[in-house]
Amino acid sequence: MSVDTATVRRVARLARIAVSDEEVVTMQGELNSILGFVEQLREVDVSGVEPMTSVIPMAMKKRSDIVTDGHKADDIVANAPETDDHFFLVPKVVE
């Protein structure tokens, strides 16, 4: 796959990056070399390789899957002007 100047300008616009005409040519070459490297990576056979999170074997930290209220209800409503039983009281806006 090859990137043309129109694609470089479109990517730059989507990324909100201002590029000059000279930079478009440079970026075109850089993007083409990146895509060439990705094509090389596709040729590697990784069918027997398990996904890993690190190069060093390690166990993932796990927590129990328990639903709680976070035990922070008092802290959350502490600065509210009016509360009622851990709920915010707001003025009525619809009649």
PDB file of N, CA and C in Angstrom:
ATOM      1  N   MET A   1       0.843  -1.171   0.000  1.00  0.00           N
ATOM      2  CA  MET A   1       0.000   0.000   0.000  1.00  0.00           C
ATOM      3  C   MET A   1       0.888   1.234   0.000  1.00  0.00           C
ATOM      4  N   SER A   2       0.526   2.196  -0.802  1.00  0.00           N
ATOM      5  CA  SER A   2       1.309   3.419  -0.896  1.00  0.00           C
ATOM      6  C   SER A   2       0.419   4.613  -0.556  1.00  0.00           C
ATOM      7  N   VAL A   3       0.970   5.564   0.160  1.00  0.00           N
ATOM      8  CA  VAL A   3       0.240   6.756   0.561  1.00  0.00           C
ATOM      9  C   VAL A   3       0.587   7.880  -0.405  1.00  0.00           C
ATOM     10  N   ASP A   4      -0.437   8.557  -0.920  1.00  0.00           N
ATOM     11  CA  ASP A   4      -0.197   9.692  -1.807  1.00  0.00           C
ATOM     12  C   ASP A   4      -0.328  10.996  -1.015  1.00  0.00           C
ATOM     13  N   THR A   5      -0.047  12.124  -1.683  1.00  0.00           N
ATOM     14  CA  THR A   5      -0.059  13.415  -0.990  1.00  0.00           C
ATOM     15  C   THR A   5      -1.456  13.791  -0.511  1.00  0.00           C
ATOM     16  N   ALA A   6      -2.484  13.397  -1.235  1.00  0.00           N
ATOM     17  CA  ALA A   6      -3.851  13.701  -0.812  1.00  0.00           C
ATOM     18  C   ALA A   6      -4.180  12.986   0.497  1.00  0.00           C
ATOM     19  N   THR A   7      -3.723  11.752   0.623  1.00  0.00           N
ATOM     20  CA  THR A   7      -3.959  11.000   1.855  1.00  0.00           C
ATOM     21  C   THR A   7      -3.195  11.625   3.010  1.00  0.00           C
ATOM     22  N   VAL A   8      -1.965  12.075   2.776  1.00  0.00           N
ATOM     23  CA  VAL A   8      -1.178  12.723   3.823  1.00  0.00           C
ATOM     24  C   VAL A   8      -1.887  13.986   4.298  1.00  0.00           C
ATOM     25  N   ARG A   9      -2.393  14.774   3.359  1.00  0.00           N
ATOM     26  CA  ARG A   9      -3.113  16.002   3.741  1.00  0.00           C
ATOM     27  C   ARG A   9      -4.385  15.677   4.517  1.00  0.00           C
ATOM     28  N   ARG A  10      -5.073  14.626   4.124  1.00  0.00           N
ATOM     29  CA  ARG A  10      -6.305  14.244   4.823  1.00  0.00           C
ATOM     30  C   ARG A  10      -6.001  13.768   6.240  1.00  0.00           C
ATOM     31  N   VAL A  11      -4.954  12.957   6.396  1.00  0.00           N
ATOM     32  CA  VAL A  11      -4.563  12.486   7.720  1.00  0.00           C
ATOM     33  C   VAL A  11      -4.136  13.665   8.589  1.00  0.00           C
ATOM     34  N   ALA A  12      -3.396  14.602   8.017  1.00  0.00           N
ATOM     35  CA  ALA A  12      -2.968  15.779   8.771  1.00  0.00           C
ATOM     36  C   ALA A  12      -4.169  16.617   9.198  1.00  0.00           C
ATOM     37  N   ARG A  13      -5.150  16.741   8.332  1.00  0.00           N
ATOM     38  CA  ARG A  13      -6.352  17.502   8.681  1.00  0.00           C
ATOM     39  C   ARG A  13      -7.125  16.804   9.784  1.00  0.00           C
ATOM     40  N   LEU A  14      -7.250  15.473   9.700  1.00  0.00           N
ATOM     41  CA  LEU A  14      -7.949  14.723  10.738  1.00  0.00           C
ATOM     42  C   LEU A  14      -7.228  14.809  12.078  1.00  0.00           C
ATOM     43  N   ALA A  15      -5.897  14.875  12.035  1.00  0.00           N
ATOM     44  CA  ALA A  15      -5.105  14.976  13.259  1.00  0.00           C
ATOM     45  C   ALA A  15      -4.951  16.426  13.709  1.00  0.00           C
ATOM     46  N   ARG A  16      -5.530  17.343  12.951  1.00  0.00           N
ATOM     47  CA  ARG A  16      -5.453  18.772  13.255  1.00  0.00           C
ATOM     48  C   ARG A  16      -3.996  19.251  13.302  1.00  0.00           C
ATOM     49  N   ILE A  17      -3.216  18.802  12.290  1.00  0.00           N
ATOM     50  CA  ILE A  17      -1.817  19.187  12.180  1.00  0.00           C
ATOM     51  C   ILE A  17      -1.658  20.039  10.929  1.00  0.00           C
ATOM     52  N   ALA A  18      -1.078  21.210  11.088  1.00  0.00           N
ATOM     53  CA  ALA A  18      -0.813  22.065   9.931  1.00  0.00           C
ATOM     54  C   ALA A  18       0.497  21.615   9.292  1.00  0.00           C
ATOM     55  N   VAL A  19       0.443  21.286   7.996  1.00  0.00           N
ATOM     56  CA  VAL A  19       1.640  20.843   7.286  1.00  0.00           C
ATOM     57  C   VAL A  19       1.830  21.684   6.035  1.00  0.00           C
ATOM     58  N   SER A  20       3.081  22.031   5.754  1.00  0.00           N
ATOM     59  CA  SER A  20       3.408  22.760   4.537  1.00  0.00           C
ATOM     60  C   SER A  20       3.607  21.764   3.397  1.00  0.00           C
ATOM     61  N   ASP A  21       3.770  22.289   2.181  1.00  0.00           N
ATOM     62  CA  ASP A  21       3.961  21.410   1.022  1.00  0.00           C
ATOM     63  C   ASP A  21       5.239  20.584   1.145  1.00  0.00           C
ATOM     64  N   GLU A  22       6.303  21.173   1.723  1.00  0.00           N
ATOM     65  CA  GLU A  22       7.549  20.435   1.899  1.00  0.00           C
ATOM     66  C   GLU A  22       7.371  19.317   2.925  1.00  0.00           C
ATOM     67  N   GLU A  23       6.605  19.592   3.979  1.00  0.00           N
ATOM     68  CA  GLU A  23       6.383  18.589   5.011  1.00  0.00           C
ATOM     69  C   GLU A  23       5.505  17.441   4.512  1.00  0.00           C
ATOM     70  N   VAL A  24       4.612  17.739   3.551  1.00  0.00           N
ATOM     71  CA  VAL A  24       3.758  16.687   2.992  1.00  0.00           C
ATOM     72  C   VAL A  24       4.614  15.625   2.320  1.00  0.00           C
ATOM     73  N   VAL A  25       5.611  16.058   1.559  1.00  0.00           N
ATOM     74  CA  VAL A  25       6.483  15.103   0.865  1.00  0.00           C
ATOM     75  C   VAL A  25       7.269  14.273   1.878  1.00  0.00           C
ATOM     76  N   THR A  26       7.772  14.919   2.925  1.00  0.00           N
ATOM     77  CA  THR A  26       8.521  14.200   3.962  1.00  0.00           C
ATOM     78  C   THR A  26       7.630  13.200   4.680  1.00  0.00           C
ATOM     79  N   MET A  27       6.429  13.646   5.052  1.00  0.00           N
ATOM     80  CA  MET A  27       5.505  12.763   5.765  1.00  0.00           C
ATOM     81  C   MET A  27       5.054  11.607   4.884  1.00  0.00           C
ATOM     82  N   GLN A  28       4.930  11.857   3.584  1.00  0.00           N
ATOM     83  CA  GLN A  28       4.542  10.789   2.666  1.00  0.00           C
ATOM     84  C   GLN A  28       5.584   9.669   2.696  1.00  0.00           C
ATOM     85  N   GLY A  29       6.851  10.027   2.658  1.00  0.00           N
ATOM     86  CA  GLY A  29       7.902   9.021   2.725  1.00  0.00           C
ATOM     87  C   GLY A  29       7.917   8.289   4.058  1.00  0.00           C
ATOM     88  N   GLU A  30       7.708   9.028   5.148  1.00  0.00           N
ATOM     89  CA  GLU A  30       7.703   8.402   6.466  1.00  0.00           C
ATOM     90  C   GLU A  30       6.523   7.439   6.621  1.00  0.00           C
ATOM     91  N   LEU A  31       5.344   7.858   6.186  1.00  0.00           N
ATOM     92  CA  LEU A  31       4.175   6.979   6.294  1.00  0.00           C
ATOM     93  C   LEU A  31       4.335   5.739   5.422  1.00  0.00           C
ATOM     94  N   ASN A  32       4.904   5.898   4.238  1.00  0.00           N
ATOM     95  CA  ASN A  32       5.132   4.739   3.375  1.00  0.00           C
ATOM     96  C   ASN A  32       6.127   3.766   3.997  1.00  0.00           C
ATOM     97  N   SER A  33       7.165   4.287   4.681  1.00  0.00           N
ATOM     98  CA  SER A  33       8.120   3.381   5.324  1.00  0.00           C
ATOM     99  C   SER A  33       7.469   2.673   6.513  1.00  0.00           C
ATOM    100  N   ILE A  34       6.597   3.353   7.249  1.00  0.00           N
ATOM    101  CA  ILE A  34       5.878   2.715   8.356  1.00  0.00           C
ATOM    102  C   ILE A  34       4.980   1.609   7.829  1.00  0.00           C
ATOM    103  N   LEU A  35       4.243   1.898   6.771  1.00  0.00           N
ATOM    104  CA  LEU A  35       3.360   0.874   6.193  1.00  0.00           C
ATOM    105  C   LEU A  35       4.161  -0.295   5.621  1.00  0.00           C
ATOM    106  N   GLY A  36       5.347  -0.023   5.094  1.00  0.00           N
ATOM    107  CA  GLY A  36       6.208  -1.102   4.609  1.00  0.00           C
ATOM    108  C   GLY A  36       6.653  -2.006   5.745  1.00  0.00           C
ATOM    109  N   PHE A  37       6.967  -1.410   6.897  1.00  0.00           N
ATOM    110  CA  PHE A  37       7.362  -2.204   8.059  1.00  0.00           C
ATOM    111  C   PHE A  37       6.196  -3.049   8.555  1.00  0.00           C
ATOM    112  N   VAL A  38       4.989  -2.496   8.533  1.00  0.00           N
ATOM    113  CA  VAL A  38       3.805  -3.261   8.951  1.00  0.00           C
ATOM    114  C   VAL A  38       3.588  -4.437   8.006  1.00  0.00           C
ATOM    115  N   GLU A  39       3.811  -4.240   6.723  1.00  0.00           N
ATOM    116  CA  GLU A  39       3.697  -5.346   5.768  1.00  0.00           C
ATOM    117  C   GLU A  39       4.719  -6.435   6.071  1.00  0.00           C
ATOM    118  N   GLN A  40       5.918  -6.054   6.477  1.00  0.00           N
ATOM    119  CA  GLN A  40       6.927  -7.045   6.866  1.00  0.00           C
ATOM    120  C   GLN A  40       6.469  -7.820   8.092  1.00  0.00           C
ATOM    121  N   LEU A  41       5.862  -7.149   9.041  1.00  0.00           N
ATOM    122  CA  LEU A  41       5.387  -7.819  10.249  1.00  0.00           C
ATOM    123  C   LEU A  41       4.279  -8.823   9.944  1.00  0.00           C
ATOM    124  N   ARG A  42       3.486  -8.552   8.916  1.00  0.00           N
ATOM    125  CA  ARG A  42       2.411  -9.484   8.544  1.00  0.00           C
ATOM    126  C   ARG A  42       2.953 -10.809   8.030  1.00  0.00           C
ATOM    127  N   GLU A  43       4.180 -10.820   7.542  1.00  0.00           N
ATOM    128  CA  GLU A  43       4.776 -12.034   7.009  1.00  0.00           C
ATOM    129  C   GLU A  43       5.258 -12.984   8.100  1.00  0.00           C
ATOM    130  N   VAL A  44       5.370 -12.503   9.332  1.00  0.00           N
ATOM    131  CA  VAL A  44       5.874 -13.321  10.440  1.00  0.00           C
ATOM    132  C   VAL A  44       4.778 -14.271  10.899  1.00  0.00           C
ATOM    133  N   ASP A  45       5.139 -15.556  11.045  1.00  0.00           N
ATOM    134  CA  ASP A  45       4.183 -16.559  11.510  1.00  0.00           C
ATOM    135  C   ASP A  45       4.124 -16.517  13.040  1.00  0.00           C
ATOM    136  N   VAL A  46       2.991 -16.100  13.576  1.00  0.00           N
ATOM    137  CA  VAL A  46       2.812 -16.007  15.028  1.00  0.00           C
ATOM    138  C   VAL A  46       1.697 -16.929  15.500  1.00  0.00           C
ATOM    139  N   SER A  47       1.434 -17.976  14.734  1.00  0.00           N
ATOM    140  CA  SER A  47       0.319 -18.858  15.064  1.00  0.00           C
ATOM    141  C   SER A  47       0.522 -19.590  16.390  1.00  0.00           C
ATOM    142  N   GLY A  48       1.758 -19.907  16.770  1.00  0.00           N
ATOM    143  CA  GLY A  48       1.998 -20.632  18.015  1.00  0.00           C
ATOM    144  C   GLY A  48       2.392 -19.743  19.182  1.00  0.00           C
ATOM    145  N   VAL A  49       2.331 -18.440  19.005  1.00  0.00           N
ATOM    146  CA  VAL A  49       2.766 -17.514  20.036  1.00  0.00           C
ATOM    147  C   VAL A  49       1.550 -17.010  20.808  1.00  0.00           C
ATOM    148  N   GLU A  50       1.603 -17.150  22.130  1.00  0.00           N
ATOM    149  CA  GLU A  50       0.496 -16.676  22.959  1.00  0.00           C
ATOM    150  C   GLU A  50       0.638 -15.178  23.207  1.00  0.00           C
ATOM    151  N   PRO A  51      -0.474 -14.454  23.296  1.00  0.00           N
ATOM    152  CA  PRO A  51      -0.393 -13.027  23.628  1.00  0.00           C
ATOM    153  C   PRO A  51       0.212 -12.839  25.012  1.00  0.00           C
ATOM    154  N   MET A  52       0.975 -11.771  25.190  1.00  0.00           N
ATOM    155  CA  MET A  52       1.590 -11.542  26.492  1.00  0.00           C
ATOM    156  C   MET A  52       1.497 -10.062  26.850  1.00  0.00           C
ATOM    157  N   THR A  53       1.553  -9.792  28.140  1.00  0.00           N
ATOM    158  CA  THR A  53       1.488  -8.420  28.622  1.00  0.00           C
ATOM    159  C   THR A  53       2.854  -7.845  28.904  1.00  0.00           C
ATOM    160  N   SER A  54       3.863  -8.704  28.992  1.00  0.00           N
ATOM    161  CA  SER A  54       5.212  -8.270  29.299  1.00  0.00           C
ATOM    162  C   SER A  54       6.197  -9.306  28.777  1.00  0.00           C
ATOM    163  N   VAL A  55       7.445  -8.893  28.600  1.00  0.00           N
ATOM    164  CA  VAL A  55       8.459  -9.851  28.165  1.00  0.00           C
ATOM    165  C   VAL A  55       8.880 -10.753  29.308  1.00  0.00           C
ATOM    166  N   ILE A  56       8.582 -10.348  30.526  1.00  0.00           N
ATOM    167  CA  ILE A  56       8.869 -11.152  31.712  1.00  0.00           C
ATOM    168  C   ILE A  56       7.570 -11.803  32.163  1.00  0.00           C
ATOM    169  N   PRO A  57       7.542 -13.126  32.347  1.00  0.00           N
ATOM    170  CA  PRO A  57       6.304 -13.768  32.791  1.00  0.00           C
ATOM    171  C   PRO A  57       5.869 -13.217  34.146  1.00  0.00           C
ATOM    172  N   MET A  58       4.623 -12.807  34.221  1.00  0.00           N
ATOM    173  CA  MET A  58       4.100 -12.298  35.478  1.00  0.00           C
ATOM    174  C   MET A  58       2.602 -12.555  35.558  1.00  0.00           C
ATOM    175  N   ALA A  59       2.110 -12.690  36.770  1.00  0.00           N
ATOM    176  CA  ALA A  59       0.688 -12.931  36.985  1.00  0.00           C
ATOM    177  C   ALA A  59      -0.032 -11.588  37.067  1.00  0.00           C
ATOM    178  N   MET A  60      -1.180 -11.530  36.448  1.00  0.00           N
ATOM    179  CA  MET A  60      -1.974 -10.313  36.490  1.00  0.00           C
ATOM    180  C   MET A  60      -2.621 -10.158  37.858  1.00  0.00           C
ATOM    181  N   LYS A  61      -2.656  -8.931  38.350  1.00  0.00           N
ATOM    182  CA  LYS A  61      -3.324  -8.672  39.617  1.00  0.00           C
ATOM    183  C   LYS A  61      -4.823  -8.736  39.377  1.00  0.00           C
ATOM    184  N   LYS A  62      -5.513  -9.431  40.235  1.00  0.00           N
ATOM    185  CA  LYS A  62      -6.953  -9.584  40.074  1.00  0.00           C
ATOM    186  C   LYS A  62      -7.650  -9.148  41.345  1.00  0.00           C
ATOM    187  N   ARG A  63      -8.860  -8.670  41.173  1.00  0.00           N
ATOM    188  CA  ARG A  63      -9.671  -8.311  42.323  1.00  0.00           C
ATOM    189  C   ARG A  63     -10.970  -9.087  42.230  1.00  0.00           C
ATOM    190  N   SER A  64     -11.625  -9.243  43.361  1.00  0.00           N
ATOM    191  CA  SER A  64     -12.901  -9.955  43.332  1.00  0.00           C
ATOM    192  C   SER A  64     -13.946  -9.071  42.663  1.00  0.00           C
ATOM    193  N   ASP A  65     -14.820  -9.689  41.924  1.00  0.00           N
ATOM    194  CA  ASP A  65     -15.833  -8.970  41.150  1.00  0.00           C
ATOM    195  C   ASP A  65     -17.079  -8.770  42.007  1.00  0.00           C
ATOM    196  N   ILE A  66     -17.005  -7.795  42.906  1.00  0.00           N
ATOM    197  CA  ILE A  66     -18.097  -7.513  43.821  1.00  0.00           C
ATOM    198  C   ILE A  66     -18.600  -6.099  43.564  1.00  0.00           C
ATOM    199  N   VAL A  67     -19.912  -5.942  43.420  1.00  0.00           N
ATOM    200  CA  VAL A  67     -20.516  -4.638  43.200  1.00  0.00           C
ATOM    201  C   VAL A  67     -20.695  -3.948  44.546  1.00  0.00           C
ATOM    202  N   THR A  68     -20.133  -2.739  44.670  1.00  0.00           N
ATOM    203  CA  THR A  68     -20.285  -1.950  45.894  1.00  0.00           C
ATOM    204  C   THR A  68     -20.630  -0.519  45.515  1.00  0.00           C
ATOM    205  N   ASP A  69     -20.985   0.268  46.505  1.00  0.00           N
ATOM    206  CA  ASP A  69     -21.254   1.682  46.255  1.00  0.00           C
ATOM    207  C   ASP A  69     -19.984   2.519  46.360  1.00  0.00           C
ATOM    208  N   GLY A  70     -18.867   1.909  46.619  1.00  0.00           N
ATOM    209  CA  GLY A  70     -17.598   2.598  46.707  1.00  0.00           C
ATOM    210  C   GLY A  70     -17.296   3.136  48.086  1.00  0.00           C
ATOM    211  N   HIS A  71     -18.256   3.081  48.967  1.00  0.00           N
ATOM    212  CA  HIS A  71     -18.086   3.541  50.342  1.00  0.00           C
ATOM    213  C   HIS A  71     -17.618   4.994  50.398  1.00  0.00           C
ATOM    214  N   LYS A  72     -18.058   5.797  49.468  1.00  0.00           N
ATOM    215  CA  LYS A  72     -17.657   7.197  49.422  1.00  0.00           C
ATOM    216  C   LYS A  72     -18.861   8.125  49.313  1.00  0.00           C
ATOM    217  N   ALA A  73     -20.051   7.661  49.639  1.00  0.00           N
ATOM    218  CA  ALA A  73     -21.254   8.478  49.491  1.00  0.00           C
ATOM    219  C   ALA A  73     -21.157   9.756  50.309  1.00  0.00           C
ATOM    220  N   ASP A  74     -20.635   9.691  51.520  1.00  0.00           N
ATOM    221  CA  ASP A  74     -20.512  10.888  52.346  1.00  0.00           C
ATOM    222  C   ASP A  74     -19.531  11.887  51.735  1.00  0.00           C
ATOM    223  N   ASP A  75     -18.434  11.408  51.186  1.00  0.00           N
ATOM    224  CA  ASP A  75     -17.444  12.290  50.571  1.00  0.00           C
ATOM    225  C   ASP A  75     -17.986  12.947  49.308  1.00  0.00           C
ATOM    226  N   ILE A  76     -18.799  12.219  48.546  1.00  0.00           N
ATOM    227  CA  ILE A  76     -19.316  12.733  47.277  1.00  0.00           C
ATOM    228  C   ILE A  76     -20.276  13.895  47.519  1.00  0.00           C
ATOM    229  N   VAL A  77     -21.155  13.796  48.487  1.00  0.00           N
ATOM    230  CA  VAL A  77     -22.154  14.844  48.719  1.00  0.00           C
ATOM    231  C   VAL A  77     -21.702  15.855  49.774  1.00  0.00           C
ATOM    232  N   ALA A  78     -20.456  15.778  50.219  1.00  0.00           N
ATOM    233  CA  ALA A  78     -19.993  16.644  51.304  1.00  0.00           C
ATOM    234  C   ALA A  78     -20.096  18.129  50.957  1.00  0.00           C
ATOM    235  N   ASN A  79     -19.821  18.528  49.733  1.00  0.00           N
ATOM    236  CA  ASN A  79     -19.834  19.943  49.351  1.00  0.00           C
ATOM    237  C   ASN A  79     -21.133  20.383  48.686  1.00  0.00           C
ATOM    238  N   ALA A  80     -22.105  19.513  48.608  1.00  0.00           N
ATOM    239  CA  ALA A  80     -23.380  19.874  47.991  1.00  0.00           C
ATOM    240  C   ALA A  80     -24.151  20.823  48.906  1.00  0.00           C
ATOM    241  N   PRO A  81     -24.847  21.821  48.329  1.00  0.00           N
ATOM    242  CA  PRO A  81     -25.587  22.744  49.176  1.00  0.00           C
ATOM    243  C   PRO A  81     -26.723  22.061  49.943  1.00  0.00           C
ATOM    244  N   GLU A  82     -27.419  21.111  49.293  1.00  0.00           N
ATOM    245  CA  GLU A  82     -28.510  20.405  49.958  1.00  0.00           C
ATOM    246  C   GLU A  82     -28.452  18.929  49.586  1.00  0.00           C
ATOM    247  N   THR A  83     -28.589  18.062  50.592  1.00  0.00           N
ATOM    248  CA  THR A  83     -28.594  16.624  50.357  1.00  0.00           C
ATOM    249  C   THR A  83     -29.673  15.973  51.195  1.00  0.00           C
ATOM    250  N   ASP A  84     -30.030  14.763  50.802  1.00  0.00           N
ATOM    251  CA  ASP A  84     -30.992  13.965  51.563  1.00  0.00           C
ATOM    252  C   ASP A  84     -30.615  12.505  51.389  1.00  0.00           C
ATOM    253  N   ASP A  85     -30.107  11.883  52.431  1.00  0.00           N
ATOM    254  CA  ASP A  85     -29.747  10.470  52.419  1.00  0.00           C
ATOM    255  C   ASP A  85     -28.826  10.122  51.254  1.00  0.00           C
ATOM    256  N   HIS A  86     -27.716  10.843  51.155  1.00  0.00           N
ATOM    257  CA  HIS A  86     -26.688  10.632  50.125  1.00  0.00           C
ATOM    258  C   HIS A  86     -27.165  10.947  48.714  1.00  0.00           C
ATOM    259  N   PHE A  87     -28.203  11.738  48.562  1.00  0.00           N
ATOM    260  CA  PHE A  87     -28.672  12.181  47.252  1.00  0.00           C
ATOM    261  C   PHE A  87     -28.556  13.696  47.174  1.00  0.00           C
ATOM    262  N   PHE A  88     -28.305  14.220  45.991  1.00  0.00           N
ATOM    263  CA  PHE A  88     -28.280  15.662  45.780  1.00  0.00           C
ATOM    264  C   PHE A  88     -29.710  16.163  45.676  1.00  0.00           C
ATOM    265  N   LEU A  89     -30.028  17.258  46.348  1.00  0.00           N
ATOM    266  CA  LEU A  89     -31.321  17.897  46.207  1.00  0.00           C
ATOM    267  C   LEU A  89     -31.155  19.064  45.249  1.00  0.00           C
ATOM    268  N   VAL A  90     -31.990  19.090  44.214  1.00  0.00           N
ATOM    269  CA  VAL A  90     -31.916  20.147  43.214  1.00  0.00           C
ATOM    270  C   VAL A  90     -33.280  20.804  43.090  1.00  0.00           C
ATOM    271  N   PRO A  91     -33.319  22.072  42.708  1.00  0.00           N
ATOM    272  CA  PRO A  91     -34.607  22.748  42.559  1.00  0.00           C
ATOM    273  C   PRO A  91     -35.407  22.162  41.387  1.00  0.00           C
ATOM    274  N   LYS A  92     -36.698  22.205  41.514  1.00  0.00           N
ATOM    275  CA  LYS A  92     -37.586  21.694  40.461  1.00  0.00           C
ATOM    276  C   LYS A  92     -37.534  22.660  39.289  1.00  0.00           C
ATOM    277  N   VAL A  93     -37.324  22.136  38.073  1.00  0.00           N
ATOM    278  CA  VAL A  93     -37.230  22.993  36.886  1.00  0.00           C
ATOM    279  C   VAL A  93     -38.362  22.730  35.903  1.00  0.00           C
ATOM    280  N   VAL A  94     -39.088  21.654  36.070  1.00  0.00           N
ATOM    281  CA  VAL A  94     -40.202  21.334  35.169  1.00  0.00           C
ATOM    282  C   VAL A  94     -41.482  21.385  35.997  1.00  0.00           C
ATOM    283  N   GLU A  95     -42.482  22.099  35.494  1.00  0.00           N
ATOM    284  CA  GLU A  95     -43.759  22.210  36.208  1.00  0.00           C
ATOM    285  C   GLU A  95     -44.738  21.189  35.700  1.00  0.00           C
TER     286      GLU A  95
END
